[in-house]
Protein backbone atom coordinates (compact mmCIF):
# COMPACT_ATOMS: atom_id res chain seq x y z
CA MET A 1 90.09 94.10 89.33
CA LEU A 2 93.60 95.12 88.30
CA ASN A 3 96.67 92.91 88.16
CA ALA A 4 100.40 93.61 87.76
CA VAL A 5 103.60 91.58 87.87
CA PHE A 6 106.83 93.29 88.89
CA ASN A 7 110.14 92.08 90.40
CA ASP A 8 108.90 88.48 90.77
CA LEU A 9 105.85 89.63 92.76
CA ARG A 10 102.21 89.71 91.67
CA PHE A 11 99.96 92.59 92.69
CA ARG A 12 96.17 92.71 92.67
CA ILE A 13 93.84 95.64 93.30
CA GLU A 14 90.39 94.58 94.36
CA PRO A 15 87.55 96.88 95.46
CA ASP A 16 85.68 96.05 98.66
CA PHE A 17 82.39 97.68 99.61
CA PRO A 18 82.44 101.42 98.71
CA GLU A 19 82.37 102.45 102.36
CA VAL A 20 85.40 100.24 103.08
CA GLY A 21 87.81 101.05 100.24
CA VAL A 22 90.08 99.17 97.88
CA TYR A 23 92.65 96.49 98.73
CA LEU A 24 96.12 96.09 97.29
CA TYR A 25 97.27 92.49 97.63
CA VAL A 26 100.90 91.45 97.12
CA PHE A 27 101.67 87.82 96.25
CA ASP A 28 104.91 85.89 96.28
CA GLY A 29 104.01 82.84 94.23
CA GLU A 30 100.57 81.79 95.44
CA LYS A 31 101.02 83.21 98.95
CA CYS A 32 99.62 86.65 99.83
CA ILE A 33 102.41 88.35 101.76
CA TYR A 34 100.87 91.81 102.19
CA ASP A 35 97.48 93.48 101.96
CA TYR A 36 96.92 97.19 102.19
CA LEU A 37 93.62 99.07 102.40
CA GLN A 38 93.43 102.36 100.53
CA ASP A 39 90.61 104.77 99.70
CA ASP A 40 90.56 104.16 95.93
CA ILE A 41 92.28 102.45 93.00
CA LYS A 42 94.54 105.41 92.24
CA MET A 43 95.83 105.44 95.82
CA CYS A 44 96.55 101.69 95.56
CA GLN A 45 98.53 102.21 92.37
CA GLU A 46 100.48 105.11 93.89
CA PHE A 47 101.19 103.08 97.03
CA ALA A 48 102.40 100.12 94.93
CA PHE A 49 104.70 102.48 93.04
CA ASP A 50 106.05 104.16 96.19
CA GLU A 51 106.57 100.95 98.17
CA PHE A 52 107.46 98.42 95.45
CA GLY A 53 108.30 100.45 92.33
CA VAL A 54 105.38 99.04 90.31
CA PRO A 55 105.02 101.29 87.24
CA LEU A 56 101.55 102.56 86.37
CA THR A 57 101.93 100.96 82.92
CA ALA A 58 102.22 97.48 84.51
CA TRP A 59 98.55 97.34 85.54
CA THR A 60 96.06 95.37 83.45
CA GLU A 61 92.37 94.77 83.99
CA ILE A 62 91.33 91.16 84.61
CA ASP A 63 87.99 89.45 85.10
CA LEU A 64 87.51 86.64 87.57
């Protein structure tokens, strides 16, 4: 799982089943305000950059 914080929002990339894809979650505080399904992690990162300006260098790997 990947996590990033940018412009007072928190972003999380979390894989689902391989046949489903990868989710990009956007949080404002503790509330999830958006979720987007993409094909892979790279597409999630590119989408986060295009839509929210999240730089690729902002992403860190986290374990839950």
